[in-house]
N, C-alpha and C. Protein backbone atom coordinates (compact mmCIF):
# COMPACT_ATOMS: atom_id res chain seq x y z
N MET A 1 -111.35 68.43 8.45
CA MET A 1 -112.27 68.65 9.54
C MET A 1 -111.46 68.81 10.83
N ALA A 2 -111.61 69.93 11.49
CA ALA A 2 -110.80 70.23 12.67
C ALA A 2 -111.30 69.55 13.94
N CYS A 3 -112.55 69.19 14.02
CA CYS A 3 -113.10 68.60 15.24
C CYS A 3 -113.56 67.18 14.98
N LYS A 4 -112.62 66.28 14.90
CA LYS A 4 -112.91 64.87 14.63
C LYS A 4 -112.27 64.04 15.73
N PHE A 5 -113.07 63.28 16.46
CA PHE A 5 -112.56 62.43 17.52
C PHE A 5 -111.91 61.19 16.95
N ASN A 6 -110.86 60.69 17.63
CA ASN A 6 -110.24 59.42 17.28
C ASN A 6 -109.61 58.83 18.53
N SER A 7 -109.48 57.51 18.53
CA SER A 7 -108.85 56.83 19.65
C SER A 7 -107.34 56.90 19.51
N VAL A 8 -106.65 56.94 20.65
CA VAL A 8 -105.18 56.96 20.67
C VAL A 8 -104.76 55.65 21.33
N LEU A 9 -104.22 54.74 20.53
CA LEU A 9 -103.94 53.38 21.00
C LEU A 9 -102.45 53.08 20.99
N LYS A 10 -101.99 52.32 22.00
CA LYS A 10 -100.58 51.95 22.07
C LYS A 10 -100.16 51.11 20.87
N GLY A 11 -101.05 50.30 20.34
CA GLY A 11 -100.74 49.38 19.25
C GLY A 11 -100.38 50.06 17.95
N THR A 12 -100.61 51.36 17.82
CA THR A 12 -100.32 52.04 16.56
C THR A 12 -98.83 52.18 16.31
N ASN A 13 -97.98 51.96 17.32
CA ASN A 13 -96.54 52.06 17.15
C ASN A 13 -95.96 50.87 16.39
N GLN A 14 -96.73 49.81 16.21
CA GLN A 14 -96.33 48.61 15.47
C GLN A 14 -95.03 48.01 15.98
N CYS A 15 -94.82 48.07 17.30
CA CYS A 15 -93.69 47.42 17.96
C CYS A 15 -92.34 47.88 17.40
N LYS A 16 -92.19 49.18 17.18
CA LYS A 16 -90.92 49.73 16.72
C LYS A 16 -90.35 50.63 17.79
N GLU A 17 -89.02 50.82 17.73
CA GLU A 17 -88.36 51.70 18.69
C GLU A 17 -88.87 53.13 18.52
N ASN A 18 -88.91 53.85 19.61
CA ASN A 18 -89.38 55.23 19.59
C ASN A 18 -88.45 56.07 20.48
N PRO A 19 -87.20 56.31 20.01
CA PRO A 19 -86.24 57.02 20.85
C PRO A 19 -86.56 58.50 20.96
N ALA A 20 -86.05 59.12 22.00
CA ALA A 20 -86.25 60.56 22.19
C ALA A 20 -85.28 61.33 21.32
N GLY A 21 -85.55 62.63 21.17
CA GLY A 21 -84.63 63.52 20.48
C GLY A 21 -84.83 63.58 18.98
N VAL A 22 -84.01 64.42 18.36
CA VAL A 22 -84.02 64.56 16.91
C VAL A 22 -82.60 64.36 16.41
N SER A 23 -82.43 64.35 15.09
CA SER A 23 -81.09 64.19 14.52
C SER A 23 -80.23 65.41 14.83
N ASN A 24 -79.02 65.46 14.30
CA ASN A 24 -78.08 66.52 14.64
C ASN A 24 -78.02 67.65 13.59
N TYR A 25 -79.13 67.89 12.91
CA TYR A 25 -79.21 69.00 11.97
C TYR A 25 -80.67 69.38 11.74
N CYS A 26 -80.86 70.53 11.14
CA CYS A 26 -82.20 70.94 10.70
C CYS A 26 -82.07 71.59 9.34
N MET A 27 -83.19 71.76 8.67
CA MET A 27 -83.22 72.39 7.36
C MET A 27 -84.14 73.60 7.42
N ILE A 28 -83.66 74.72 6.89
CA ILE A 28 -84.44 75.95 6.79
C ILE A 28 -84.94 76.07 5.35
N VAL A 29 -86.26 76.14 5.19
CA VAL A 29 -86.84 76.27 3.86
C VAL A 29 -87.59 77.60 3.78
N PRO A 30 -87.11 78.53 2.95
CA PRO A 30 -87.82 79.80 2.80
C PRO A 30 -89.22 79.58 2.23
N LEU A 31 -90.17 80.38 2.69
CA LEU A 31 -91.54 80.32 2.17
C LEU A 31 -91.68 81.34 1.04
N ASP A 32 -90.98 81.09 -0.05
CA ASP A 32 -91.09 81.96 -1.22
C ASP A 32 -91.37 81.10 -2.44
N SER A 33 -91.67 81.75 -3.55
CA SER A 33 -92.07 81.03 -4.76
C SER A 33 -90.92 80.24 -5.38
N ASP A 34 -89.68 80.50 -4.99
CA ASP A 34 -88.56 79.72 -5.49
C ASP A 34 -88.42 78.39 -4.75
N HIS A 35 -89.04 78.25 -3.60
CA HIS A 35 -88.89 77.05 -2.78
C HIS A 35 -90.19 76.28 -2.56
N VAL A 36 -91.29 76.98 -2.32
CA VAL A 36 -92.56 76.32 -1.98
C VAL A 36 -93.65 76.80 -2.93
N ALA A 37 -94.26 75.84 -3.65
CA ALA A 37 -95.37 76.18 -4.55
C ALA A 37 -96.67 76.31 -3.78
N SER A 38 -96.88 75.43 -2.80
CA SER A 38 -98.08 75.51 -1.97
C SER A 38 -97.85 74.79 -0.65
N ILE A 39 -98.57 75.22 0.37
CA ILE A 39 -98.50 74.59 1.69
C ILE A 39 -99.87 74.71 2.35
N SER A 40 -100.30 73.62 2.96
CA SER A 40 -101.58 73.63 3.68
C SER A 40 -101.53 72.63 4.82
N VAL A 41 -102.47 72.75 5.74
CA VAL A 41 -102.58 71.85 6.88
C VAL A 41 -103.42 70.65 6.47
N ASN A 42 -102.97 69.46 6.78
CA ASN A 42 -103.74 68.25 6.53
C ASN A 42 -104.73 68.08 7.68
N ASP A 43 -106.02 68.07 7.39
CA ASP A 43 -107.04 67.92 8.42
C ASP A 43 -107.26 66.47 8.84
N GLU A 44 -106.68 65.53 8.12
CA GLU A 44 -106.83 64.10 8.44
C GLU A 44 -105.66 63.55 9.25
N LYS A 45 -104.50 64.21 9.15
CA LYS A 45 -103.29 63.76 9.86
C LYS A 45 -102.55 64.99 10.35
N ASN A 46 -101.72 64.83 11.36
CA ASN A 46 -100.95 65.96 11.89
C ASN A 46 -99.74 66.23 11.00
N GLN A 47 -100.03 66.66 9.78
CA GLN A 47 -98.99 66.89 8.78
C GLN A 47 -99.29 68.14 7.98
N TYR A 48 -98.23 68.68 7.37
CA TYR A 48 -98.38 69.71 6.35
C TYR A 48 -98.33 69.04 4.99
N ILE A 49 -99.11 69.55 4.08
CA ILE A 49 -99.06 69.13 2.68
C ILE A 49 -98.28 70.22 1.96
N ILE A 50 -97.07 69.89 1.51
CA ILE A 50 -96.18 70.88 0.90
C ILE A 50 -95.81 70.42 -0.49
N GLU A 51 -96.02 71.31 -1.45
CA GLU A 51 -95.60 71.07 -2.83
C GLU A 51 -94.39 71.97 -3.09
N ALA A 52 -93.29 71.35 -3.49
CA ALA A 52 -92.07 72.12 -3.77
C ALA A 52 -92.21 72.87 -5.08
N ALA A 53 -91.54 74.00 -5.17
CA ALA A 53 -91.50 74.77 -6.41
C ALA A 53 -90.62 74.05 -7.42
N GLY A 54 -90.82 74.37 -8.70
CA GLY A 54 -89.95 73.84 -9.73
C GLY A 54 -90.43 72.57 -10.39
N ALA A 55 -91.72 72.25 -10.27
CA ALA A 55 -92.24 71.04 -10.92
C ALA A 55 -92.18 71.18 -12.44
N THR A 56 -91.78 70.11 -13.09
CA THR A 56 -91.75 70.05 -14.55
C THR A 56 -92.39 68.75 -15.00
N THR A 57 -92.54 68.57 -16.30
CA THR A 57 -93.09 67.30 -16.79
C THR A 57 -92.14 66.15 -16.51
N GLU A 58 -90.82 66.43 -16.52
CA GLU A 58 -89.83 65.40 -16.23
C GLU A 58 -89.76 65.08 -14.73
N VAL A 59 -89.95 66.11 -13.89
CA VAL A 59 -89.92 65.94 -12.43
C VAL A 59 -91.20 66.57 -11.87
N PRO A 60 -92.30 65.80 -11.86
CA PRO A 60 -93.58 66.37 -11.41
C PRO A 60 -93.64 66.66 -9.91
N LYS A 61 -92.84 65.96 -9.10
CA LYS A 61 -92.83 66.18 -7.66
C LYS A 61 -91.39 66.35 -7.18
N PRO A 62 -90.81 67.52 -7.37
CA PRO A 62 -89.42 67.73 -6.94
C PRO A 62 -89.32 67.77 -5.42
N ALA A 63 -88.11 67.53 -4.92
CA ALA A 63 -87.87 67.61 -3.48
C ALA A 63 -87.82 69.08 -3.07
N LEU A 64 -88.17 69.32 -1.82
CA LEU A 64 -87.98 70.66 -1.27
C LEU A 64 -86.50 70.97 -1.24
N LYS A 65 -86.16 72.26 -1.27
CA LYS A 65 -84.77 72.67 -1.16
C LYS A 65 -84.66 73.64 0.01
N GLY A 66 -83.57 73.51 0.76
CA GLY A 66 -83.38 74.37 1.92
C GLY A 66 -81.92 74.48 2.29
N TYR A 67 -81.68 75.07 3.43
CA TYR A 67 -80.33 75.33 3.93
C TYR A 67 -80.13 74.57 5.24
N ARG A 68 -79.02 73.85 5.32
CA ARG A 68 -78.76 72.95 6.44
C ARG A 68 -78.01 73.66 7.55
N ILE A 69 -78.42 73.37 8.79
CA ILE A 69 -77.69 73.82 9.98
C ILE A 69 -77.34 72.59 10.80
N ASP A 70 -76.06 72.27 10.86
CA ASP A 70 -75.59 71.16 11.70
C ASP A 70 -75.40 71.68 13.12
N PHE A 71 -75.88 70.92 14.10
CA PHE A 71 -75.66 71.31 15.48
C PHE A 71 -75.10 70.14 16.27
N LYS A 72 -74.63 70.44 17.46
CA LYS A 72 -73.97 69.46 18.32
C LYS A 72 -74.95 68.33 18.68
N ASN A 73 -74.44 67.09 18.67
CA ASN A 73 -75.26 65.93 19.03
C ASN A 73 -75.94 66.14 20.39
N GLN A 74 -77.15 65.72 20.46
CA GLN A 74 -77.96 65.74 21.68
C GLN A 74 -78.22 67.14 22.22
N THR A 75 -78.22 68.13 21.32
CA THR A 75 -78.63 69.48 21.72
C THR A 75 -79.91 69.92 21.00
N GLY A 76 -80.31 69.17 19.99
CA GLY A 76 -81.53 69.51 19.25
C GLY A 76 -82.77 69.02 19.97
N GLN A 77 -83.81 69.84 19.89
CA GLN A 77 -85.05 69.48 20.57
C GLN A 77 -86.21 70.24 19.95
N VAL A 78 -87.38 69.60 19.89
CA VAL A 78 -88.61 70.26 19.48
C VAL A 78 -89.61 70.07 20.61
N THR A 79 -90.17 71.17 21.10
CA THR A 79 -91.16 71.11 22.18
C THR A 79 -92.40 71.89 21.77
N SER A 80 -93.49 71.63 22.47
CA SER A 80 -94.72 72.37 22.18
C SER A 80 -95.48 72.62 23.47
N GLU A 81 -96.31 73.66 23.41
CA GLU A 81 -97.13 74.03 24.56
C GLU A 81 -98.49 74.46 24.07
N ASP A 82 -99.52 73.97 24.72
CA ASP A 82 -100.90 74.31 24.37
C ASP A 82 -101.18 75.78 24.70
N ASN A 83 -101.76 76.52 23.77
CA ASN A 83 -102.08 77.93 23.99
C ASN A 83 -103.44 78.15 24.65
N GLY A 84 -104.19 77.07 24.89
CA GLY A 84 -105.52 77.21 25.47
C GLY A 84 -106.59 76.79 24.48
N PRO A 85 -107.83 76.67 24.94
CA PRO A 85 -108.92 76.18 24.08
C PRO A 85 -109.07 76.99 22.80
N GLY A 86 -108.97 76.29 21.67
CA GLY A 86 -109.17 76.91 20.37
C GLY A 86 -108.07 77.84 19.90
N MET A 87 -106.93 77.86 20.60
CA MET A 87 -105.87 78.81 20.24
C MET A 87 -104.60 78.13 19.74
N GLY A 88 -104.66 76.84 19.43
CA GLY A 88 -103.52 76.14 18.86
C GLY A 88 -102.39 75.92 19.83
N ASN A 89 -101.20 75.81 19.31
CA ASN A 89 -100.01 75.44 20.08
C ASN A 89 -98.83 76.33 19.72
N THR A 90 -97.95 76.55 20.68
CA THR A 90 -96.67 77.18 20.42
C THR A 90 -95.64 76.07 20.31
N VAL A 91 -94.92 76.02 19.18
CA VAL A 91 -93.93 74.98 18.94
C VAL A 91 -92.55 75.64 18.82
N THR A 92 -91.57 75.04 19.51
CA THR A 92 -90.23 75.60 19.57
C THR A 92 -89.20 74.54 19.22
N GLY A 93 -88.21 74.92 18.42
CA GLY A 93 -87.09 74.05 18.09
C GLY A 93 -85.78 74.72 18.48
N THR A 94 -84.83 73.92 18.99
CA THR A 94 -83.54 74.47 19.40
C THR A 94 -82.39 73.56 18.96
N GLY A 95 -81.22 74.14 18.93
CA GLY A 95 -79.99 73.40 18.66
C GLY A 95 -78.81 74.26 19.05
N ARG A 96 -77.66 73.63 19.32
CA ARG A 96 -76.46 74.38 19.72
C ARG A 96 -75.36 74.13 18.70
N VAL A 97 -74.94 75.19 18.04
CA VAL A 97 -73.89 75.11 17.03
C VAL A 97 -72.56 75.44 17.70
N GLU A 98 -71.63 74.47 17.63
CA GLU A 98 -70.32 74.64 18.25
C GLU A 98 -69.25 74.86 17.19
N ILE A 99 -69.42 74.23 16.05
CA ILE A 99 -68.50 74.39 14.93
C ILE A 99 -69.29 75.03 13.80
N GLY A 100 -68.78 76.12 13.26
CA GLY A 100 -69.50 76.84 12.22
C GLY A 100 -70.27 78.03 12.76
N ILE A 101 -69.79 78.60 13.87
CA ILE A 101 -70.52 79.72 14.47
C ILE A 101 -70.47 80.98 13.60
N ASP A 102 -69.43 81.14 12.79
CA ASP A 102 -69.37 82.29 11.89
C ASP A 102 -70.44 82.17 10.80
N GLU A 103 -70.58 80.96 10.25
CA GLU A 103 -71.61 80.73 9.24
C GLU A 103 -73.00 80.91 9.84
N LEU A 104 -73.17 80.47 11.10
CA LEU A 104 -74.47 80.65 11.75
C LEU A 104 -74.76 82.12 12.00
N ALA A 105 -73.74 82.90 12.31
CA ALA A 105 -73.94 84.34 12.49
C ALA A 105 -74.49 84.97 11.22
N MET A 106 -73.96 84.57 10.08
CA MET A 106 -74.45 85.09 8.79
C MET A 106 -75.88 84.63 8.54
N MET A 107 -76.15 83.34 8.77
CA MET A 107 -77.49 82.80 8.58
C MET A 107 -78.47 83.47 9.54
N SER A 108 -78.05 83.71 10.76
CA SER A 108 -78.92 84.35 11.76
C SER A 108 -79.35 85.74 11.31
N ARG A 109 -78.43 86.47 10.75
CA ARG A 109 -78.77 87.81 10.27
C ARG A 109 -79.84 87.73 9.18
N THR A 110 -79.67 86.80 8.26
CA THR A 110 -80.64 86.62 7.18
C THR A 110 -82.00 86.22 7.74
N LEU A 111 -82.03 85.25 8.64
CA LEU A 111 -83.31 84.77 9.17
C LEU A 111 -83.99 85.83 10.02
N SER A 112 -83.23 86.61 10.76
CA SER A 112 -83.82 87.70 11.54
C SER A 112 -84.46 88.73 10.62
N ASN A 113 -83.84 88.98 9.47
CA ASN A 113 -84.37 89.97 8.53
C ASN A 113 -85.50 89.45 7.66
N LEU A 114 -85.72 88.13 7.62
CA LEU A 114 -86.82 87.56 6.83
C LEU A 114 -88.18 87.80 7.48
N ASP A 115 -88.19 88.15 8.74
CA ASP A 115 -89.44 88.40 9.47
C ASP A 115 -90.36 87.18 9.44
N GLY A 116 -89.77 86.00 9.61
CA GLY A 116 -90.57 84.79 9.77
C GLY A 116 -91.02 84.10 8.52
N ASN A 117 -90.52 84.43 7.39
CA ASN A 117 -91.00 83.84 6.15
C ASN A 117 -90.25 82.55 5.79
N PHE A 118 -90.25 81.58 6.72
CA PHE A 118 -89.56 80.31 6.48
C PHE A 118 -90.14 79.23 7.39
N LEU A 119 -89.79 77.99 7.12
CA LEU A 119 -90.11 76.84 7.96
C LEU A 119 -88.81 76.20 8.40
N CYS A 120 -88.82 75.56 9.57
CA CYS A 120 -87.65 74.85 10.07
C CYS A 120 -88.02 73.38 10.26
N PHE A 121 -87.27 72.49 9.64
CA PHE A 121 -87.53 71.05 9.65
C PHE A 121 -86.44 70.32 10.44
N PHE A 122 -86.85 69.54 11.44
CA PHE A 122 -85.92 68.72 12.23
C PHE A 122 -86.19 67.25 11.91
N PRO A 123 -85.21 66.51 11.34
CA PRO A 123 -85.44 65.10 11.05
C PRO A 123 -85.46 64.28 12.34
N THR A 124 -86.37 63.32 12.38
CA THR A 124 -86.47 62.47 13.57
C THR A 124 -85.51 61.29 13.51
N GLY A 125 -84.93 61.04 12.34
CA GLY A 125 -84.07 59.87 12.17
C GLY A 125 -84.85 58.66 11.72
N VAL A 126 -86.14 58.83 11.45
CA VAL A 126 -87.00 57.73 11.04
C VAL A 126 -87.25 57.82 9.54
N LYS A 127 -87.23 56.67 8.88
CA LYS A 127 -87.62 56.59 7.48
C LYS A 127 -88.94 55.83 7.43
N LYS A 128 -89.90 56.39 6.69
CA LYS A 128 -91.20 55.74 6.55
C LYS A 128 -91.53 55.63 5.07
N ALA A 129 -92.54 54.85 4.77
CA ALA A 129 -92.94 54.65 3.38
C ALA A 129 -94.39 55.06 3.16
N PRO A 130 -94.69 56.36 3.30
CA PRO A 130 -96.07 56.77 3.06
C PRO A 130 -96.39 56.98 1.58
N THR A 131 -95.40 56.85 0.69
CA THR A 131 -95.65 57.05 -0.73
C THR A 131 -96.38 55.85 -1.31
N THR A 132 -97.05 56.07 -2.43
CA THR A 132 -97.85 54.99 -3.03
C THR A 132 -96.99 53.84 -3.52
N ASP A 133 -95.73 54.11 -3.91
CA ASP A 133 -94.87 53.02 -4.38
C ASP A 133 -94.05 52.39 -3.26
N GLY A 134 -94.25 52.85 -2.01
CA GLY A 134 -93.57 52.26 -0.87
C GLY A 134 -92.15 52.74 -0.65
N THR A 135 -91.71 53.78 -1.36
CA THR A 135 -90.37 54.32 -1.20
C THR A 135 -90.23 54.98 0.17
N PRO A 136 -89.22 54.59 0.97
CA PRO A 136 -89.05 55.23 2.28
C PRO A 136 -88.62 56.69 2.13
N VAL A 137 -89.20 57.54 2.94
CA VAL A 137 -88.85 58.96 2.96
C VAL A 137 -88.59 59.38 4.39
N THR A 138 -87.92 60.51 4.54
CA THR A 138 -87.56 61.01 5.86
C THR A 138 -88.77 61.62 6.57
N GLU A 139 -88.85 61.37 7.86
CA GLU A 139 -89.88 61.99 8.71
C GLU A 139 -89.27 63.23 9.38
N TRP A 140 -89.96 64.36 9.29
CA TRP A 140 -89.49 65.63 9.85
C TRP A 140 -90.51 66.19 10.82
N LEU A 141 -90.03 66.84 11.89
CA LEU A 141 -90.87 67.66 12.75
C LEU A 141 -90.73 69.10 12.24
N VAL A 142 -91.85 69.78 12.07
CA VAL A 142 -91.85 71.10 11.45
C VAL A 142 -92.17 72.17 12.48
N VAL A 143 -91.36 73.22 12.49
CA VAL A 143 -91.66 74.41 13.27
C VAL A 143 -91.97 75.51 12.27
N GLY A 144 -93.13 76.12 12.39
CA GLY A 144 -93.58 77.15 11.46
C GLY A 144 -94.97 76.81 10.96
N ASN A 145 -95.61 77.77 10.31
CA ASN A 145 -96.94 77.53 9.76
C ASN A 145 -97.05 78.11 8.36
N PRO A 146 -98.14 77.82 7.65
CA PRO A 146 -98.26 78.27 6.26
C PRO A 146 -98.21 79.79 6.07
N THR A 147 -98.48 80.57 7.11
CA THR A 147 -98.46 82.02 6.97
C THR A 147 -97.10 82.63 7.35
N GLY A 148 -96.12 81.82 7.67
CA GLY A 148 -94.78 82.32 7.98
C GLY A 148 -94.66 82.94 9.35
N ASP A 149 -95.46 82.46 10.29
CA ASP A 149 -95.45 83.00 11.65
C ASP A 149 -94.40 82.25 12.47
N ILE A 150 -93.15 82.70 12.38
CA ILE A 150 -92.05 82.04 13.09
C ILE A 150 -91.01 83.10 13.44
N THR A 151 -90.35 82.91 14.57
CA THR A 151 -89.29 83.84 14.96
C THR A 151 -87.99 83.06 15.15
N TRP A 152 -86.88 83.72 14.88
CA TRP A 152 -85.54 83.16 15.02
C TRP A 152 -84.82 83.97 16.09
N SER A 153 -84.21 83.30 17.04
CA SER A 153 -83.39 84.00 18.03
C SER A 153 -82.19 83.13 18.36
N ARG A 154 -81.17 83.75 18.94
CA ARG A 154 -79.96 82.99 19.28
C ARG A 154 -79.24 83.66 20.44
N ALA A 155 -78.43 82.86 21.11
CA ALA A 155 -77.61 83.34 22.23
C ALA A 155 -76.25 82.66 22.11
N SER A 156 -75.19 83.43 22.19
CA SER A 156 -73.83 82.90 22.07
C SER A 156 -73.12 82.91 23.41
N ASP A 157 -72.20 81.95 23.58
CA ASP A 157 -71.48 81.80 24.83
C ASP A 157 -70.09 81.27 24.51
N THR A 158 -69.05 81.98 24.96
CA THR A 158 -67.67 81.53 24.71
C THR A 158 -67.24 80.42 25.66
N GLY A 159 -67.94 80.28 26.78
CA GLY A 159 -67.48 79.38 27.82
C GLY A 159 -66.40 80.06 28.64
N THR A 160 -66.11 79.52 29.83
CA THR A 160 -65.12 80.15 30.70
C THR A 160 -63.78 79.43 30.71
N GLU A 161 -63.78 78.14 30.39
CA GLU A 161 -62.55 77.35 30.37
C GLU A 161 -62.39 76.70 29.01
N ARG A 162 -61.20 76.21 28.72
CA ARG A 162 -60.95 75.61 27.41
C ARG A 162 -61.84 74.40 27.13
N THR A 163 -62.28 73.74 28.17
CA THR A 163 -63.12 72.55 27.98
C THR A 163 -64.61 72.86 28.16
N SER A 164 -64.96 74.13 28.34
CA SER A 164 -66.36 74.49 28.55
C SER A 164 -67.20 74.27 27.28
N ASP A 165 -68.47 73.99 27.51
CA ASP A 165 -69.41 73.96 26.41
C ASP A 165 -69.53 75.38 25.88
N HIS A 166 -69.48 75.54 24.58
CA HIS A 166 -69.52 76.88 24.00
C HIS A 166 -70.22 76.83 22.65
N GLY A 167 -70.53 77.98 22.11
CA GLY A 167 -71.15 78.05 20.80
C GLY A 167 -72.37 78.95 20.82
N THR A 168 -73.22 78.76 19.82
CA THR A 168 -74.44 79.55 19.68
C THR A 168 -75.64 78.63 19.74
N THR A 169 -76.56 78.92 20.63
CA THR A 169 -77.82 78.18 20.72
C THR A 169 -78.88 78.97 19.97
N PHE A 170 -79.47 78.34 18.96
CA PHE A 170 -80.54 79.00 18.21
C PHE A 170 -81.90 78.46 18.64
N THR A 171 -82.90 79.30 18.51
CA THR A 171 -84.27 78.92 18.86
C THR A 171 -85.21 79.43 17.77
N VAL A 172 -86.03 78.54 17.25
CA VAL A 172 -87.10 78.93 16.33
C VAL A 172 -88.42 78.69 17.05
N THR A 173 -89.32 79.66 16.99
CA THR A 173 -90.59 79.56 17.71
C THR A 173 -91.73 79.97 16.80
N CYS A 174 -92.76 79.13 16.75
CA CYS A 174 -93.99 79.45 16.04
C CYS A 174 -95.11 79.49 17.08
N ASN A 175 -95.76 80.64 17.20
CA ASN A 175 -96.78 80.82 18.23
C ASN A 175 -98.14 80.26 17.88
N PHE A 176 -98.31 79.78 16.63
CA PHE A 176 -99.59 79.17 16.28
C PHE A 176 -99.40 78.04 15.27
N GLN A 177 -99.51 76.83 15.76
CA GLN A 177 -99.59 75.64 14.92
C GLN A 177 -100.82 74.86 15.38
N VAL A 178 -101.56 74.30 14.42
CA VAL A 178 -102.82 73.64 14.79
C VAL A 178 -102.60 72.32 15.51
N TYR A 179 -101.47 71.67 15.28
CA TYR A 179 -101.13 70.44 16.00
C TYR A 179 -99.92 70.70 16.89
N ASP A 180 -99.84 69.99 18.01
CA ASP A 180 -98.68 70.15 18.88
C ASP A 180 -97.44 69.49 18.28
N THR A 181 -97.64 68.52 17.41
CA THR A 181 -96.56 67.88 16.67
C THR A 181 -96.97 67.87 15.21
N VAL A 182 -96.26 68.63 14.37
CA VAL A 182 -96.57 68.67 12.94
C VAL A 182 -95.44 67.98 12.20
N LYS A 183 -95.80 67.06 11.31
CA LYS A 183 -94.80 66.29 10.58
C LYS A 183 -94.87 66.57 9.08
N TYR A 184 -93.77 66.27 8.43
CA TYR A 184 -93.68 66.31 6.98
C TYR A 184 -92.90 65.08 6.56
N TYR A 185 -93.34 64.43 5.49
CA TYR A 185 -92.66 63.25 4.97
C TYR A 185 -92.15 63.55 3.57
N GLY A 186 -90.84 63.44 3.39
CA GLY A 186 -90.25 63.70 2.08
C GLY A 186 -88.78 64.02 2.24
N GLU A 187 -88.15 64.31 1.13
CA GLU A 187 -86.73 64.65 1.16
C GLU A 187 -86.56 66.16 0.99
N ILE A 188 -85.54 66.70 1.65
CA ILE A 188 -85.18 68.11 1.52
C ILE A 188 -83.73 68.17 1.10
N GLU A 189 -83.50 68.70 -0.09
CA GLU A 189 -82.14 68.79 -0.63
C GLU A 189 -81.48 70.08 -0.17
N GLN A 190 -80.17 70.02 0.03
CA GLN A 190 -79.42 71.22 0.44
C GLN A 190 -79.25 72.13 -0.76
N GLU A 191 -79.80 73.32 -0.68
CA GLU A 191 -79.80 74.27 -1.79
C GLU A 191 -78.40 74.63 -2.27
N ASP A 192 -77.48 74.84 -1.36
CA ASP A 192 -76.13 75.29 -1.73
C ASP A 192 -75.11 74.15 -1.65
N ALA A 193 -75.56 72.92 -1.84
CA ALA A 193 -74.62 71.78 -1.80
C ALA A 193 -73.65 71.87 -2.96
N ALA A 194 -72.41 71.45 -2.72
CA ALA A 194 -71.38 71.51 -3.77
C ALA A 194 -71.70 70.53 -4.88
């Protein structure tokens, strides 16, 4: 149900730390049948319900698989802006890659050519236990929507001096998400891990 009122109370934080920022990496998950079996918006919570591809009788709920982008500490950020009444939110994620800019150039070409058919997950650094058996899982902020409406852009800078900040700043932007903050709880394995 999209129009359901609820109270927003300070006590819901359960007296835990709530630091700013995100971790120093993100995960790119393609929205294809090899990676995602199904995705939908949860109308009860500001979350996506995502079923990973590859379920078997031995592994009925496999982890999502994606590609990792490590970025410089304290350069990652997820922001959102209201698009107006009934028009959802624009959500943007950024990070600055200082080491691995050649690999990012290759990834950037691929993501630019995908025409938005992926999701970008930024871990918050929080582990929660929303599973029925109480197993802690990673909390992620998600940029992207079930229809693959996301854009990838980047800007590179060599810096002017040897000690200058340099590298490639990437930006992922989704112009329509139903929540200003969309979360996912679960693990995402690195697809090309050794």
